[in-house]
Structures are given as C-alpha cells and as structure tokens.
C-alpha cells in the first residue's frame, strides 16, 4: 500500500464517513454488551435487542441476579439467544469480581495493550469485540476487523487474498493495523461497514456507485 494511496484513501474516507454514527456506545460497558449482542446477526436485530435489554435491565448490575430465561426471551430476536444470554451474564460476573461492579470504566486509565489483554480475557471476547470497545468507547487508535473491513481491505489491495476470518483472527487484525495509519483506522472501519452494507456487497458489489471506485485497484474485478 503506497503512502500516496494511503493519504488519498484516508482523506476520502474521512470526508465521506468521518461523522458517521453506527450506533456504537460512548460508555465501554454499554459497548461490550452491544457488541456481544451483535455476533452473527443483522445490525437491525441487535440494535433492537440492545434497546430491549437496556429497557428491561436499566443497570448492568441487574444482570448479576436475573432469571436467565428472562434475558433469553429479551434477546431472542438476536439469534443464538441462549448462548448470548449465558455469555453476557458471565461477562457481568467477571467484571463484578474484578472491579466490584459491572463496569469497564477503569480501563479508561489503562494503557491500550493492557486494556486489550484484559478484554481478550473476558468470556467470548475476541479481537473484533475487544478492539471495538477500545476504538469506539475508549478512543484508542486500533482497527477492529469484521467481515466488511476484511472485504474492503482485500478489494482495495491491502491484503493479497481473502482470508478465513475464523483462522486468521488476531493475525489479520495485526496485519491491517500495521497497514492502516493510526489516525485513519476508525474511519476505515466505519467506512467499510457503511459501504459493506450498501455498496461493497459480498456478491454483485455496486462498484459503479462506489465513492472509492476511481482509486480502487479491483475496480469491479473480483
């Protein structure tokens, strides 16, 4: 990825998506549960589930004493609701054991690498969720890699071939972080999600309508 291309790409993405809001949360505790609900489901489903959970359990500390079936029914539309309910409760328990209440606020003062290690140690939390919390809620210059970020990175020529996301996990995150400048990582991720939902589709991408078409090396050839 040549430096001039990086510069043009970052400028373009910032202009297009620098003010975009994907519904992520400023509070890191809100964000981790928001992201856990988002696993393997559509954004319309998990956004609704998150709002339902917040309405049903206004304080995350309530997760420590709930009937698990109550939480399962609340998040049923998200899919994998039994797994996610158990996971959410277990994460809440670990946070209570660590910090005395269900919170991630102490991480605001932690170095990025230390905060990331802690998040990766939580039940069910992988690099995407950990880096999502770090980026969206803690303002750290990291790059969460989801299916949209991965797809855009390949089509823009940042990586030479599609990867198996399950197998690559941390390696792909580290590789793309090294390729995307720190001040461009958030807007790269956000732009990839926005375009991945509407233009840079897995099949039949709408390349002629893409705002990056003129600088995309693939230019519709996949």
C-alpha atoms as a PDB file:
ATOM      1  CA  UNK A   1       0.000   0.000   0.000  1.00  0.00           C
ATOM      2  CA  UNK A   2       1.828   3.082  -1.222  1.00  0.00           C
ATOM      3  CA  UNK A   3       1.983   6.133   1.008  1.00  0.00           C
ATOM      4  CA  UNK A   4       0.230   8.369  -1.527  1.00  0.00           C
ATOM      5  CA  UNK A   5      -2.601   5.853  -1.826  1.00  0.00           C
ATOM      6  CA  UNK A   6      -2.914   5.751   1.961  1.00  0.00           C
ATOM      7  CA  UNK A   7      -3.126   9.519   2.079  1.00  0.00           C
ATOM      8  CA  UNK A   8      -5.801   9.748  -0.635  1.00  0.00           C
ATOM      9  CA  UNK A   9      -7.787   6.852   0.840  1.00  0.00           C
ATOM     10  CA  UNK A  10      -7.789   8.303   4.354  1.00  0.00           C
ATOM     11  CA  UNK A  11      -8.743  11.756   3.125  1.00  0.00           C
ATOM     12  CA  UNK A  12     -11.600  10.330   1.062  1.00  0.00           C
ATOM     13  CA  UNK A  13     -12.917   8.143   3.878  1.00  0.00           C
ATOM     14  CA  UNK A  14     -12.711  10.987   6.382  1.00  0.00           C
ATOM     15  CA  UNK A  15     -14.657  13.286   4.068  1.00  0.00           C
ATOM     16  CA  UNK A  16     -17.308  10.641   3.420  1.00  0.00           C
ATOM     17  CA  UNK A  17     -17.647   8.898   6.766  1.00  0.00           C
ATOM     18  CA  UNK A  18     -15.849  10.987   9.377  1.00  0.00           C
ATOM     19  CA  UNK A  19     -19.128  11.980  11.021  1.00  0.00           C
ATOM     20  CA  UNK A  20     -20.927   8.664  10.592  1.00  0.00           C
ATOM     21  CA  UNK A  21     -22.622   7.137  13.637  1.00  0.00           C
ATOM     22  CA  UNK A  22     -23.176   3.380  13.606  1.00  0.00           C
ATOM     23  CA  UNK A  23     -24.981   3.288  16.939  1.00  0.00           C
ATOM     24  CA  UNK A  24     -21.921   2.325  18.962  1.00  0.00           C
ATOM     25  CA  UNK A  25     -21.748   3.488  22.560  1.00  0.00           C
ATOM     26  CA  UNK A  26     -19.537   6.022  24.291  1.00  0.00           C
ATOM     27  CA  UNK A  27     -19.626   4.045  27.526  1.00  0.00           C
ATOM     28  CA  UNK A  28     -17.335   0.981  27.327  1.00  0.00           C
ATOM     29  CA  UNK A  29     -19.645  -1.164  29.464  1.00  0.00           C
ATOM     30  CA  UNK A  30     -22.572  -0.410  27.182  1.00  0.00           C
ATOM     31  CA  UNK A  31     -20.383  -1.075  24.161  1.00  0.00           C
ATOM     32  CA  UNK A  32     -19.157  -4.514  25.175  1.00  0.00           C
ATOM     33  CA  UNK A  33     -22.693  -5.802  25.672  1.00  0.00           C
ATOM     34  CA  UNK A  34     -23.802  -4.080  22.461  1.00  0.00           C
ATOM     35  CA  UNK A  35     -21.033  -5.863  20.546  1.00  0.00           C
ATOM     36  CA  UNK A  36     -21.678  -9.232  22.187  1.00  0.00           C
ATOM     37  CA  UNK A  37     -25.294  -8.993  21.059  1.00  0.00           C
ATOM     38  CA  UNK A  38     -24.139  -8.213  17.512  1.00  0.00           C
ATOM     39  CA  UNK A  39     -22.469 -11.598  16.934  1.00  0.00           C
ATOM     40  CA  UNK A  40     -23.804 -13.443  13.887  1.00  0.00           C
ATOM     41  CA  UNK A  41     -26.917 -11.308  13.414  1.00  0.00           C
ATOM     42  CA  UNK A  42     -28.042  -8.289  11.393  1.00  0.00           C
ATOM     43  CA  UNK A  43     -27.488  -4.795  12.724  1.00  0.00           C
ATOM     44  CA  UNK A  44     -31.249  -4.141  12.722  1.00  0.00           C
ATOM     45  CA  UNK A  45     -31.780  -7.140  15.005  1.00  0.00           C
ATOM     46  CA  UNK A  46     -29.031  -6.458  17.513  1.00  0.00           C
ATOM     47  CA  UNK A  47     -29.761  -2.739  17.801  1.00  0.00           C
ATOM     48  CA  UNK A  48     -33.337  -3.614  18.744  1.00  0.00           C
ATOM     49  CA  UNK A  49     -32.161  -6.274  21.188  1.00  0.00           C
ATOM     50  CA  UNK A  50     -29.781  -3.860  22.866  1.00  0.00           C
ATOM     51  CA  UNK A  51     -32.542  -1.305  23.406  1.00  0.00           C
ATOM     52  CA  UNK A  52     -34.821  -4.044  24.789  1.00  0.00           C
ATOM     53  CA  UNK A  53     -32.127  -5.163  27.248  1.00  0.00           C
ATOM     54  CA  UNK A  54     -31.465  -1.613  28.426  1.00  0.00           C
ATOM     55  CA  UNK A  55     -35.188  -1.053  28.962  1.00  0.00           C
ATOM     56  CA  UNK A  56     -35.655  -4.348  30.800  1.00  0.00           C
ATOM     57  CA  UNK A  57     -32.434  -4.040  32.872  1.00  0.00           C
ATOM     58  CA  UNK A  58     -31.579  -0.319  33.277  1.00  0.00           C
ATOM     59  CA  UNK A  59     -28.441  -1.139  35.311  1.00  0.00           C
ATOM     60  CA  UNK A  60     -25.916  -3.716  34.125  1.00  0.00           C
ATOM     61  CA  UNK A  61     -25.545  -4.780  37.759  1.00  0.00           C
ATOM     62  CA  UNK A  62     -29.027  -6.293  37.484  1.00  0.00           C
ATOM     63  CA  UNK A  63     -27.504  -8.991  35.281  1.00  0.00           C
ATOM     64  CA  UNK A  64     -25.984 -10.491  38.413  1.00  0.00           C
ATOM     65  CA  UNK A  65     -29.331 -11.528  39.884  1.00  0.00           C
ATOM     66  CA  UNK A  66     -31.656 -12.090  36.936  1.00  0.00           C
ATOM     67  CA  UNK A  67     -33.502 -15.181  35.802  1.00  0.00           C
ATOM     68  CA  UNK A  68     -31.501 -16.305  32.793  1.00  0.00           C
ATOM     69  CA  UNK A  69     -34.691 -17.206  30.926  1.00  0.00           C
ATOM     70  CA  UNK A  70     -35.850 -13.613  31.278  1.00  0.00           C
ATOM     71  CA  UNK A  71     -32.715 -12.389  29.495  1.00  0.00           C
ATOM     72  CA  UNK A  72     -33.022 -15.132  26.882  1.00  0.00           C
ATOM     73  CA  UNK A  73     -36.536 -14.036  25.985  1.00  0.00           C
ATOM     74  CA  UNK A  74     -35.486 -10.393  25.846  1.00  0.00           C
ATOM     75  CA  UNK A  75     -32.759 -11.079  23.297  1.00  0.00           C
ATOM     76  CA  UNK A  76     -34.449 -13.907  21.385  1.00  0.00           C
ATOM     77  CA  UNK A  77     -34.666 -11.853  18.122  1.00  0.00           C
ATOM     78  CA  UNK A  78     -30.850 -11.619  18.058  1.00  0.00           C
ATOM     79  CA  UNK A  79     -30.330 -15.290  17.352  1.00  0.00           C
ATOM     80  CA  UNK A  80     -28.081 -17.561  19.427  1.00  0.00           C
ATOM     81  CA  UNK A  81     -30.018 -16.071  22.316  1.00  0.00           C
ATOM     82  CA  UNK A  82     -29.299 -18.843  24.823  1.00  0.00           C
ATOM     83  CA  UNK A  83     -25.564 -18.688  24.154  1.00  0.00           C
ATOM     84  CA  UNK A  84     -25.508 -14.900  24.230  1.00  0.00           C
ATOM     85  CA  UNK A  85     -27.528 -14.723  27.446  1.00  0.00           C
ATOM     86  CA  UNK A  86     -25.109 -17.039  29.264  1.00  0.00           C
ATOM     87  CA  UNK A  87     -22.158 -15.134  27.853  1.00  0.00           C
ATOM     88  CA  UNK A  88     -23.494 -11.720  28.877  1.00  0.00           C
ATOM     89  CA  UNK A  89     -24.167 -12.896  32.420  1.00  0.00           C
ATOM     90  CA  UNK A  90     -20.721 -14.486  32.698  1.00  0.00           C
ATOM     91  CA  UNK A  91     -19.012 -11.291  31.483  1.00  0.00           C
ATOM     92  CA  UNK A  92     -21.025  -9.309  34.022  1.00  0.00           C
ATOM     93  CA  UNK A  93     -19.887 -11.702  36.774  1.00  0.00           C
ATOM     94  CA  UNK A  94     -16.214 -11.362  35.801  1.00  0.00           C
ATOM     95  CA  UNK A  95     -16.458  -7.564  35.786  1.00  0.00           C
ATOM     96  CA  UNK A  96     -18.075  -7.635  39.244  1.00  0.00           C
ATOM     97  CA  UNK A  97     -15.335  -9.952  40.519  1.00  0.00           C
ATOM     98  CA  UNK A  98     -12.629  -7.691  39.072  1.00  0.00           C
ATOM     99  CA  UNK A  99     -13.932  -4.174  39.699  1.00  0.00           C
ATOM    100  CA  UNK A 100     -16.591  -4.615  42.387  1.00  0.00           C
ATOM    101  CA  UNK A 101     -19.417  -3.766  39.958  1.00  0.00           C
ATOM    102  CA  UNK A 102     -20.349  -4.379  36.350  1.00  0.00           C
ATOM    103  CA  UNK A 103     -18.183  -1.752  34.678  1.00  0.00           C
ATOM    104  CA  UNK A 104     -15.288  -1.228  32.317  1.00  0.00           C
ATOM    105  CA  UNK A 105     -14.677   2.369  33.425  1.00  0.00           C
ATOM    106  CA  UNK A 106     -11.260   1.588  34.982  1.00  0.00           C
ATOM    107  CA  UNK A 107      -9.942   0.734  31.510  1.00  0.00           C
ATOM    108  CA  UNK A 108     -10.132   4.428  30.586  1.00  0.00           C
ATOM    109  CA  UNK A 109      -6.901   4.895  32.554  1.00  0.00           C
ATOM    110  CA  UNK A 110      -5.144   1.739  31.396  1.00  0.00           C
ATOM    111  CA  UNK A 111      -2.558   1.577  28.590  1.00  0.00           C
ATOM    112  CA  UNK A 112      -4.047   0.251  25.358  1.00  0.00           C
ATOM    113  CA  UNK A 113      -2.156  -3.049  25.340  1.00  0.00           C
ATOM    114  CA  UNK A 114      -3.097  -3.782  28.957  1.00  0.00           C
ATOM    115  CA  UNK A 115      -6.743  -2.925  28.334  1.00  0.00           C
ATOM    116  CA  UNK A 116      -6.798  -5.116  25.240  1.00  0.00           C
ATOM    117  CA  UNK A 117      -5.320  -8.082  27.116  1.00  0.00           C
ATOM    118  CA  UNK A 118      -7.976  -7.723  29.801  1.00  0.00           C
ATOM    119  CA  UNK A 119     -10.805  -7.548  27.277  1.00  0.00           C
ATOM    120  CA  UNK A 120      -9.481 -10.586  25.400  1.00  0.00           C
ATOM    121  CA  UNK A 121      -9.515 -12.486  28.681  1.00  0.00           C
ATOM    122  CA  UNK A 122     -13.265 -11.993  29.126  1.00  0.00           C
ATOM    123  CA  UNK A 123     -15.574 -14.898  28.180  1.00  0.00           C
ATOM    124  CA  UNK A 124     -16.423 -14.946  24.486  1.00  0.00           C
ATOM    125  CA  UNK A 125     -14.466 -11.795  23.643  1.00  0.00           C
ATOM    126  CA  UNK A 126     -12.220 -11.979  20.585  1.00  0.00           C
ATOM    127  CA  UNK A 127     -10.109  -9.347  18.837  1.00  0.00           C
ATOM    128  CA  UNK A 128     -13.055  -7.759  16.992  1.00  0.00           C
ATOM    129  CA  UNK A 129     -15.056  -7.073  20.150  1.00  0.00           C
ATOM    130  CA  UNK A 130     -12.011  -6.067  22.207  1.00  0.00           C
ATOM    131  CA  UNK A 131     -10.803  -3.620  19.591  1.00  0.00           C
ATOM    132  CA  UNK A 132     -14.342  -2.361  19.054  1.00  0.00           C
ATOM    133  CA  UNK A 133     -14.579  -1.352  22.709  1.00  0.00           C
ATOM    134  CA  UNK A 134     -11.115   0.198  22.573  1.00  0.00           C
ATOM    135  CA  UNK A 135     -11.850   2.179  19.408  1.00  0.00           C
ATOM    136  CA  UNK A 136     -15.441   3.303  19.878  1.00  0.00           C
ATOM    137  CA  UNK A 137     -15.585   3.865  23.631  1.00  0.00           C
ATOM    138  CA  UNK A 138     -12.010   4.446  24.728  1.00  0.00           C
ATOM    139  CA  UNK A 139     -10.728   6.394  21.723  1.00  0.00           C
ATOM    140  CA  UNK A 140      -7.751   4.142  21.071  1.00  0.00           C
ATOM    141  CA  UNK A 141      -6.217   4.011  17.544  1.00  0.00           C
ATOM    142  CA  UNK A 142      -6.886   0.322  16.907  1.00  0.00           C
ATOM    143  CA  UNK A 143      -8.634  -1.388  13.988  1.00  0.00           C
ATOM    144  CA  UNK A 144     -11.429  -3.908  14.570  1.00  0.00           C
ATOM    145  CA  UNK A 145     -11.653  -6.280  11.617  1.00  0.00           C
ATOM    146  CA  UNK A 146     -15.091  -7.600  10.775  1.00  0.00           C
ATOM    147  CA  UNK A 147     -16.343  -9.095   7.525  1.00  0.00           C
ATOM    148  CA  UNK A 148     -16.827  -5.651   5.960  1.00  0.00           C
ATOM    149  CA  UNK A 149     -13.364  -4.394   6.939  1.00  0.00           C
ATOM    150  CA  UNK A 150     -11.821  -7.607   5.641  1.00  0.00           C
ATOM    151  CA  UNK A 151     -13.690  -7.353   2.326  1.00  0.00           C
ATOM    152  CA  UNK A 152     -12.770  -3.704   1.745  1.00  0.00           C
ATOM    153  CA  UNK A 153      -9.132  -4.367   2.646  1.00  0.00           C
ATOM    154  CA  UNK A 154      -8.939  -7.122   0.042  1.00  0.00           C
ATOM    155  CA  UNK A 155     -10.705  -5.190  -2.692  1.00  0.00           C
ATOM    156  CA  UNK A 156      -8.513  -2.145  -2.104  1.00  0.00           C
ATOM    157  CA  UNK A 157      -5.413  -4.324  -2.354  1.00  0.00           C
ATOM    158  CA  UNK A 158      -4.273  -4.008   1.259  1.00  0.00           C
ATOM    159  CA  UNK A 159      -4.177  -7.800   1.517  1.00  0.00           C
ATOM    160  CA  UNK A 160      -3.437 -10.079  -1.413  1.00  0.00           C
ATOM    161  CA  UNK A 161      -6.208 -12.635  -0.947  1.00  0.00           C
ATOM    162  CA  UNK A 162      -9.352 -13.206   1.123  1.00  0.00           C
ATOM    163  CA  UNK A 163      -8.668 -14.840   4.475  1.00  0.00           C
ATOM    164  CA  UNK A 164     -10.509 -17.310   6.651  1.00  0.00           C
ATOM    165  CA  UNK A 165     -11.704 -14.960   9.375  1.00  0.00           C
ATOM    166  CA  UNK A 166     -12.037 -17.752  11.920  1.00  0.00           C
ATOM    167  CA  UNK A 167      -8.461 -18.932  11.370  1.00  0.00           C
ATOM    168  CA  UNK A 168      -6.816 -15.512  10.970  1.00  0.00           C
ATOM    169  CA  UNK A 169      -8.404 -13.618  13.876  1.00  0.00           C
ATOM    170  CA  UNK A 170      -5.571 -11.820  15.680  1.00  0.00           C
ATOM    171  CA  UNK A 171      -3.103 -12.137  12.777  1.00  0.00           C
ATOM    172  CA  UNK A 172      -5.373 -10.284  10.364  1.00  0.00           C
ATOM    173  CA  UNK A 173      -6.060  -7.551  12.924  1.00  0.00           C
ATOM    174  CA  UNK A 174      -2.343  -7.041  13.493  1.00  0.00           C
ATOM    175  CA  UNK A 175      -1.575  -7.033   9.769  1.00  0.00           C
ATOM    176  CA  UNK A 176      -4.216  -4.447   8.883  1.00  0.00           C
ATOM    177  CA  UNK A 177      -3.343  -2.263  11.862  1.00  0.00           C
ATOM    178  CA  UNK A 178       0.207  -2.135  10.561  1.00  0.00           C
ATOM    179  CA  UNK A 179      -1.022  -1.120   7.088  1.00  0.00           C
ATOM    180  CA  UNK A 180      -3.643   1.484   8.023  1.00  0.00           C
ATOM    181  CA  UNK A 181      -2.310   4.685   9.672  1.00  0.00           C
ATOM    182  CA  UNK A 182      -3.480   5.155  13.289  1.00  0.00           C
ATOM    183  CA  UNK A 183      -5.461   8.316  12.540  1.00  0.00           C
ATOM    184  CA  UNK A 184      -7.300   6.512   9.730  1.00  0.00           C
ATOM    185  CA  UNK A 185      -8.219   3.267  11.489  1.00  0.00           C
ATOM    186  CA  UNK A 186     -11.579   4.315  12.903  1.00  0.00           C
ATOM    187  CA  UNK A 187     -12.830   5.924   9.708  1.00  0.00           C
ATOM    188  CA  UNK A 188     -11.548   2.947   7.688  1.00  0.00           C
ATOM    189  CA  UNK A 189     -13.577   0.588   9.852  1.00  0.00           C
ATOM    190  CA  UNK A 190     -16.682   2.788   9.865  1.00  0.00           C
ATOM    191  CA  UNK A 191     -16.465   3.418   6.127  1.00  0.00           C
ATOM    192  CA  UNK A 192     -16.055  -0.295   5.446  1.00  0.00           C
ATOM    193  CA  UNK A 193     -19.169  -1.104   7.471  1.00  0.00           C
ATOM    194  CA  UNK A 194     -21.274   1.579   5.777  1.00  0.00           C
ATOM    195  CA  UNK A 195     -20.117   0.599   2.292  1.00  0.00           C
ATOM    196  CA  UNK A 196     -20.249  -3.111   3.070  1.00  0.00           C
ATOM    197  CA  UNK A 197     -23.927  -2.864   3.944  1.00  0.00           C
ATOM    198  CA  UNK A 198     -24.963  -0.903   0.864  1.00  0.00           C
ATOM    199  CA  UNK A 199     -22.294  -0.889  -1.882  1.00  0.00           C
ATOM    200  CA  UNK A 200     -19.301  -3.183  -1.342  1.00  0.00           C
ATOM    201  CA  UNK A 201     -21.507  -6.250  -1.058  1.00  0.00           C
ATOM    202  CA  UNK A 202     -20.132  -9.802  -0.834  1.00  0.00           C
ATOM    203  CA  UNK A 203     -21.745 -10.624  -4.182  1.00  0.00           C
ATOM    204  CA  UNK A 204     -22.604  -8.242  -7.007  1.00  0.00           C
ATOM    205  CA  UNK A 205     -20.949  -5.175  -5.469  1.00  0.00           C
ATOM    206  CA  UNK A 206     -22.246  -1.850  -6.731  1.00  0.00           C
ATOM    207  CA  UNK A 207     -18.879  -0.659  -7.940  1.00  0.00           C
ATOM    208  CA  UNK A 208     -20.256   1.968 -10.324  1.00  0.00           C
ATOM    209  CA  UNK A 209     -21.846   3.764  -7.350  1.00  0.00           C
ATOM    210  CA  UNK A 210     -18.892   3.376  -5.000  1.00  0.00           C
ATOM    211  CA  UNK A 211     -17.200   6.638  -3.909  1.00  0.00           C
ATOM    212  CA  UNK A 212     -13.839   4.832  -3.975  1.00  0.00           C
ATOM    213  CA  UNK A 213     -14.262   3.428  -7.494  1.00  0.00           C
ATOM    214  CA  UNK A 214     -11.694   5.742  -9.053  1.00  0.00           C
ATOM    215  CA  UNK A 215      -8.935   4.645  -6.667  1.00  0.00           C
ATOM    216  CA  UNK A 216      -9.939   1.011  -6.179  1.00  0.00           C
ATOM    217  CA  UNK A 217      -7.389  -1.350  -7.785  1.00  0.00           C
ATOM    218  CA  UNK A 218     -10.035  -4.058  -8.235  1.00  0.00           C
ATOM    219  CA  UNK A 219     -12.433  -1.601  -9.914  1.00  0.00           C
ATOM    220  CA  UNK A 220     -15.199  -4.154 -10.082  1.00  0.00           C
ATOM    221  CA  UNK A 221     -12.993  -7.125 -10.992  1.00  0.00           C
ATOM    222  CA  UNK A 222     -13.263  -9.550  -8.059  1.00  0.00           C
END
